[in-house]
Amino acid sequence: MSQSDAPYGPDPIIEAYKRDVDRTLIRENLRLSVEQRFVQLMAMQEFAEELRRAGREHEGKP
């Protein structure tokens, strides 16, 4: 059943959120293999940890 077939029509809240979703990033990610996605995820996690470490170091300095 598509949204146009739904008895009440498309949900306006969902439609509002969809405007802010960059579908090109979703498509780009789906073109990657599962292994490539994991590598990308691990790189993002390493980056996040580096940001946390830098924040902790900065808090300790006057």
PDB file of N, CA and C in Angstrom:
ATOM      1  N   MET A   1       0.855  -1.182   0.000  1.00  0.00           N
ATOM      2  CA  MET A   1       0.000   0.000   0.000  1.00  0.00           C
ATOM      3  C   MET A   1       0.897   1.240   0.000  1.00  0.00           C
ATOM      4  N   SER A   2       0.720   2.091  -0.967  1.00  0.00           N
ATOM      5  CA  SER A   2       1.501   3.326  -1.020  1.00  0.00           C
ATOM      6  C   SER A   2       0.816   4.401  -0.187  1.00  0.00           C
ATOM      7  N   GLN A   3       1.546   5.500   0.038  1.00  0.00           N
ATOM      8  CA  GLN A   3       0.971   6.585   0.845  1.00  0.00           C
ATOM      9  C   GLN A   3      -0.286   7.141   0.201  1.00  0.00           C
ATOM     10  N   SER A   4      -0.332   7.166  -1.125  1.00  0.00           N
ATOM     11  CA  SER A   4      -1.512   7.707  -1.786  1.00  0.00           C
ATOM     12  C   SER A   4      -2.717   6.791  -1.619  1.00  0.00           C
ATOM     13  N   ASP A   5      -2.473   5.486  -1.350  1.00  0.00           N
ATOM     14  CA  ASP A   5      -3.554   4.535  -1.130  1.00  0.00           C
ATOM     15  C   ASP A   5      -4.022   4.514   0.323  1.00  0.00           C
ATOM     16  N   ALA A   6      -3.256   5.146   1.221  1.00  0.00           N
ATOM     17  CA  ALA A   6      -3.605   5.138   2.634  1.00  0.00           C
ATOM     18  C   ALA A   6      -4.964   5.795   2.824  1.00  0.00           C
ATOM     19  N   PRO A   7      -5.771   5.268   3.750  1.00  0.00           N
ATOM     20  CA  PRO A   7      -7.124   5.791   3.917  1.00  0.00           C
ATOM     21  C   PRO A   7      -7.165   7.258   4.344  1.00  0.00           C
ATOM     22  N   TYR A   8      -6.127   7.751   5.000  1.00  0.00           N
ATOM     23  CA  TYR A   8      -6.140   9.126   5.497  1.00  0.00           C
ATOM     24  C   TYR A   8      -5.147  10.019   4.781  1.00  0.00           C
ATOM     25  N   GLY A   9      -4.479   9.503   3.768  1.00  0.00           N
ATOM     26  CA  GLY A   9      -3.491  10.303   3.054  1.00  0.00           C
ATOM     27  C   GLY A   9      -2.165  10.310   3.784  1.00  0.00           C
ATOM     28  N   PRO A  10      -1.183  10.997   3.227  1.00  0.00           N
ATOM     29  CA  PRO A  10       0.150  11.036   3.844  1.00  0.00           C
ATOM     30  C   PRO A  10       0.108  11.768   5.188  1.00  0.00           C
ATOM     31  N   ASP A  11       0.921  11.275   6.101  1.00  0.00           N
ATOM     32  CA  ASP A  11       1.014  11.878   7.432  1.00  0.00           C
ATOM     33  C   ASP A  11       1.782  13.197   7.309  1.00  0.00           C
ATOM     34  N   PRO A  12       1.202  14.321   7.702  1.00  0.00           N
ATOM     35  CA  PRO A  12       1.878  15.613   7.541  1.00  0.00           C
ATOM     36  C   PRO A  12       3.161  15.722   8.366  1.00  0.00           C
ATOM     37  N   ILE A  13       3.238  15.045   9.479  1.00  0.00           N
ATOM     38  CA  ILE A  13       4.458  15.102  10.301  1.00  0.00           C
ATOM     39  C   ILE A  13       5.592  14.373   9.593  1.00  0.00           C
ATOM     40  N   ILE A  14       5.296  13.204   9.054  1.00  0.00           N
ATOM     41  CA  ILE A  14       6.312  12.456   8.318  1.00  0.00           C
ATOM     42  C   ILE A  14       6.751  13.246   7.089  1.00  0.00           C
ATOM     43  N   GLU A  15       5.813  13.825   6.402  1.00  0.00           N
ATOM     44  CA  GLU A  15       6.146  14.629   5.219  1.00  0.00           C
ATOM     45  C   GLU A  15       7.038  15.813   5.600  1.00  0.00           C
ATOM     46  N   ALA A  16       6.804  16.426   6.739  1.00  0.00           N
ATOM     47  CA  ALA A  16       7.626  17.554   7.196  1.00  0.00           C
ATOM     48  C   ALA A  16       9.056  17.098   7.476  1.00  0.00           C
ATOM     49  N   TYR A  17       9.218  15.934   8.099  1.00  0.00           N
ATOM     50  CA  TYR A  17      10.564  15.425   8.376  1.00  0.00           C
ATOM     51  C   TYR A  17      11.282  15.027   7.094  1.00  0.00           C
ATOM     52  N   LYS A  18      10.567  14.475   6.130  1.00  0.00           N
ATOM     53  CA  LYS A  18      11.183  14.042   4.881  1.00  0.00           C
ATOM     54  C   LYS A  18      11.815  15.197   4.122  1.00  0.00           C
ATOM     55  N   ARG A  19      11.305  16.399   4.295  1.00  0.00           N
ATOM     56  CA  ARG A  19      11.886  17.565   3.614  1.00  0.00           C
ATOM     57  C   ARG A  19      13.322  17.797   4.048  1.00  0.00           C
ATOM     58  N   ASP A  20      13.649  17.432   5.293  1.00  0.00           N
ATOM     59  CA  ASP A  20      14.972  17.708   5.844  1.00  0.00           C
ATOM     60  C   ASP A  20      15.953  16.545   5.705  1.00  0.00           C
ATOM     61  N   VAL A  21      15.557  15.477   5.034  1.00  0.00           N
ATOM     62  CA  VAL A  21      16.425  14.320   4.864  1.00  0.00           C
ATOM     63  C   VAL A  21      17.162  14.440   3.538  1.00  0.00           C
ATOM     64  N   ASP A  22      18.483  14.347   3.605  1.00  0.00           N
ATOM     65  CA  ASP A  22      19.294  14.391   2.391  1.00  0.00           C
ATOM     66  C   ASP A  22      19.346  12.982   1.808  1.00  0.00           C
ATOM     67  N   ARG A  23      18.512  12.726   0.846  1.00  0.00           N
ATOM     68  CA  ARG A  23      18.413  11.379   0.278  1.00  0.00           C
ATOM     69  C   ARG A  23      19.649  11.013  -0.537  1.00  0.00           C
ATOM     70  N   THR A  24      20.410  12.007  -0.995  1.00  0.00           N
ATOM     71  CA  THR A  24      21.619  11.686  -1.753  1.00  0.00           C
ATOM     72  C   THR A  24      22.621  10.955  -0.868  1.00  0.00           C
ATOM     73  N   LEU A  25      22.696  11.323   0.414  1.00  0.00           N
ATOM     74  CA  LEU A  25      23.608  10.632   1.327  1.00  0.00           C
ATOM     75  C   LEU A  25      23.157   9.199   1.580  1.00  0.00           C
ATOM     76  N   ILE A  26      21.852   8.993   1.655  1.00  0.00           N
ATOM     77  CA  ILE A  26      21.331   7.640   1.839  1.00  0.00           C
ATOM     78  C   ILE A  26      21.662   6.790   0.618  1.00  0.00           C
ATOM     79  N   ARG A  27      21.415   7.335  -0.568  1.00  0.00           N
ATOM     80  CA  ARG A  27      21.712   6.591  -1.794  1.00  0.00           C
ATOM     81  C   ARG A  27      23.195   6.273  -1.902  1.00  0.00           C
ATOM     82  N   GLU A  28      24.029   7.258  -1.580  1.00  0.00           N
ATOM     83  CA  GLU A  28      25.476   7.056  -1.643  1.00  0.00           C
ATOM     84  C   GLU A  28      25.905   5.947  -0.702  1.00  0.00           C
ATOM     85  N   ASN A  29      25.361   5.932   0.505  1.00  0.00           N
ATOM     86  CA  ASN A  29      25.715   4.900   1.483  1.00  0.00           C
ATOM     87  C   ASN A  29      25.230   3.526   1.035  1.00  0.00           C
ATOM     88  N   LEU A  30      24.059   3.463   0.415  1.00  0.00           N
ATOM     89  CA  LEU A  30      23.530   2.179  -0.025  1.00  0.00           C
ATOM     90  C   LEU A  30      24.314   1.604  -1.202  1.00  0.00           C
ATOM     91  N   ARG A  31      25.055   2.434  -1.904  1.00  0.00           N
ATOM     92  CA  ARG A  31      25.902   1.935  -3.000  1.00  0.00           C
ATOM     93  C   ARG A  31      27.147   1.220  -2.473  1.00  0.00           C
ATOM     94  N   LEU A  32      27.489   1.468  -1.217  1.00  0.00           N
ATOM     95  CA  LEU A  32      28.667   0.846  -0.619  1.00  0.00           C
ATOM     96  C   LEU A  32      28.372  -0.598  -0.238  1.00  0.00           C
ATOM     97  N   SER A  33      29.431  -1.404  -0.211  1.00  0.00           N
ATOM     98  CA  SER A  33      29.274  -2.773   0.273  1.00  0.00           C
ATOM     99  C   SER A  33      29.135  -2.722   1.799  1.00  0.00           C
ATOM    100  N   VAL A  34      28.726  -3.833   2.369  1.00  0.00           N
ATOM    101  CA  VAL A  34      28.593  -3.897   3.826  1.00  0.00           C
ATOM    102  C   VAL A  34      29.948  -3.628   4.474  1.00  0.00           C
ATOM    103  N   GLU A  35      30.997  -4.202   3.918  1.00  0.00           N
ATOM    104  CA  GLU A  35      32.339  -3.995   4.473  1.00  0.00           C
ATOM    105  C   GLU A  35      32.733  -2.512   4.404  1.00  0.00           C
ATOM    106  N   GLN A  36      32.447  -1.862   3.284  1.00  0.00           N
ATOM    107  CA  GLN A  36      32.765  -0.437   3.149  1.00  0.00           C
ATOM    108  C   GLN A  36      31.985   0.392   4.169  1.00  0.00           C
ATOM    109  N   ARG A  37      30.757   0.013   4.431  1.00  0.00           N
ATOM    110  CA  ARG A  37      29.967   0.735   5.436  1.00  0.00           C
ATOM    111  C   ARG A  37      30.561   0.578   6.823  1.00  0.00           C
ATOM    112  N   PHE A  38      31.042  -0.642   7.133  1.00  0.00           N
ATOM    113  CA  PHE A  38      31.667  -0.855   8.442  1.00  0.00           C
ATOM    114  C   PHE A  38      32.953  -0.049   8.575  1.00  0.00           C
ATOM    115  N   VAL A  39      33.738   0.002   7.513  1.00  0.00           N
ATOM    116  CA  VAL A  39      34.977   0.796   7.537  1.00  0.00           C
ATOM    117  C   VAL A  39      34.634   2.264   7.768  1.00  0.00           C
ATOM    118  N   GLN A  40      33.614   2.744   7.085  1.00  0.00           N
ATOM    119  CA  GLN A  40      33.174   4.130   7.246  1.00  0.00           C
ATOM    120  C   GLN A  40      32.696   4.380   8.684  1.00  0.00           C
ATOM    121  N   LEU A  41      31.948   3.435   9.227  1.00  0.00           N
ATOM    122  CA  LEU A  41      31.463   3.558  10.605  1.00  0.00           C
ATOM    123  C   LEU A  41      32.621   3.590  11.598  1.00  0.00           C
ATOM    124  N   MET A  42      33.598   2.716  11.409  1.00  0.00           N
ATOM    125  CA  MET A  42      34.744   2.685  12.325  1.00  0.00           C
ATOM    126  C   MET A  42      35.532   3.987  12.251  1.00  0.00           C
ATOM    127  N   ALA A  43      35.681   4.541  11.046  1.00  0.00           N
ATOM    128  CA  ALA A  43      36.391   5.814  10.904  1.00  0.00           C
ATOM    129  C   ALA A  43      35.630   6.925  11.629  1.00  0.00           C
ATOM    130  N   MET A  44      34.310   6.923  11.533  1.00  0.00           N
ATOM    131  CA  MET A  44      33.505   7.933  12.223  1.00  0.00           C
ATOM    132  C   MET A  44      33.617   7.771  13.742  1.00  0.00           C
ATOM    133  N   GLN A  45      33.658   6.538  14.219  1.00  0.00           N
ATOM    134  CA  GLN A  45      33.800   6.298  15.649  1.00  0.00           C
ATOM    135  C   GLN A  45      35.173   6.762  16.145  1.00  0.00           C
ATOM    136  N   GLU A  46      36.214   6.526  15.355  1.00  0.00           N
ATOM    137  CA  GLU A  46      37.547   6.998  15.727  1.00  0.00           C
ATOM    138  C   GLU A  46      37.581   8.523  15.777  1.00  0.00           C
ATOM    139  N   PHE A  47      36.931   9.159  14.824  1.00  0.00           N
ATOM    140  CA  PHE A  47      36.866  10.618  14.797  1.00  0.00           C
ATOM    141  C   PHE A  47      36.127  11.139  16.029  1.00  0.00           C
ATOM    142  N   ALA A  48      35.006  10.510  16.379  1.00  0.00           N
ATOM    143  CA  ALA A  48      34.233  10.931  17.551  1.00  0.00           C
ATOM    144  C   ALA A  48      35.068  10.776  18.822  1.00  0.00           C
ATOM    145  N   GLU A  49      35.817   9.691  18.932  1.00  0.00           N
ATOM    146  CA  GLU A  49      36.662   9.485  20.114  1.00  0.00           C
ATOM    147  C   GLU A  49      37.758  10.540  20.173  1.00  0.00           C
ATOM    148  N   GLU A  50      38.329  10.900  19.040  1.00  0.00           N
ATOM    149  CA  GLU A  50      39.352  11.945  19.002  1.00  0.00           C
ATOM    150  C   GLU A  50      38.763  13.282  19.454  1.00  0.00           C
ATOM    151  N   LEU A  51      37.538  13.579  19.039  1.00  0.00           N
ATOM    152  CA  LEU A  51      36.885  14.811  19.493  1.00  0.00           C
ATOM    153  C   LEU A  51      36.663  14.795  21.007  1.00  0.00           C
ATOM    154  N   ARG A  52      36.240  13.647  21.532  1.00  0.00           N
ATOM    155  CA  ARG A  52      36.046  13.537  22.990  1.00  0.00           C
ATOM    156  C   ARG A  52      37.362  13.745  23.730  1.00  0.00           C
ATOM    157  N   ARG A  53      38.435  13.106  23.213  1.00  0.00           N
ATOM    158  CA  ARG A  53      39.743  13.237  23.845  1.00  0.00           C
ATOM    159  C   ARG A  53      40.202  14.692  23.837  1.00  0.00           C
ATOM    160  N   ALA A  54      40.051  15.353  22.709  1.00  0.00           N
ATOM    161  CA  ALA A  54      40.454  16.755  22.606  1.00  0.00           C
ATOM    162  C   ALA A  54      39.629  17.617  23.557  1.00  0.00           C
ATOM    163  N   GLY A  55      38.355  17.310  23.693  1.00  0.00           N
ATOM    164  CA  GLY A  55      37.506  18.061  24.624  1.00  0.00           C
ATOM    165  C   GLY A  55      37.945  17.874  26.057  1.00  0.00           C
ATOM    166  N   ARG A  56      38.302  16.646  26.425  1.00  0.00           N
ATOM    167  CA  ARG A  56      38.767  16.379  27.795  1.00  0.00           C
ATOM    168  C   ARG A  56      40.083  17.117  28.065  1.00  0.00           C
ATOM    169  N   GLU A  57      40.978  17.103  27.075  1.00  0.00           N
ATOM    170  CA  GLU A  57      42.262  17.820  27.243  1.00  0.00           C
ATOM    171  C   GLU A  57      42.028  19.318  27.379  1.00  0.00           C
ATOM    172  N   HIS A  58      41.131  19.846  26.601  1.00  0.00           N
ATOM    173  CA  HIS A  58      40.844  21.279  26.644  1.00  0.00           C
ATOM    174  C   HIS A  58      40.233  21.686  27.993  1.00  0.00           C
ATOM    175  N   GLU A  59      39.370  20.854  28.551  1.00  0.00           N
ATOM    176  CA  GLU A  59      38.759  21.149  29.844  1.00  0.00           C
ATOM    177  C   GLU A  59      39.791  21.204  30.955  1.00  0.00           C
ATOM    178  N   GLY A  60      40.849  20.428  30.826  1.00  0.00           N
ATOM    179  CA  GLY A  60      41.885  20.394  31.854  1.00  0.00           C
ATOM    180  C   GLY A  60      42.865  21.551  31.796  1.00  0.00           C
ATOM    181  N   LYS A  61      42.804  22.384  30.755  1.00  0.00           N
ATOM    182  CA  LYS A  61      43.735  23.498  30.601  1.00  0.00           C
ATOM    183  C   LYS A  61      43.055  24.795  31.033  1.00  0.00           C
ATOM    184  N   PRO A  62      43.827  25.690  31.673  1.00  0.00           N
ATOM    185  CA  PRO A  62      43.254  26.968  32.101  1.00  0.00           C
ATOM    186  C   PRO A  62      42.964  27.909  30.945  1.00  0.00           C
TER     187      PRO A  62
END
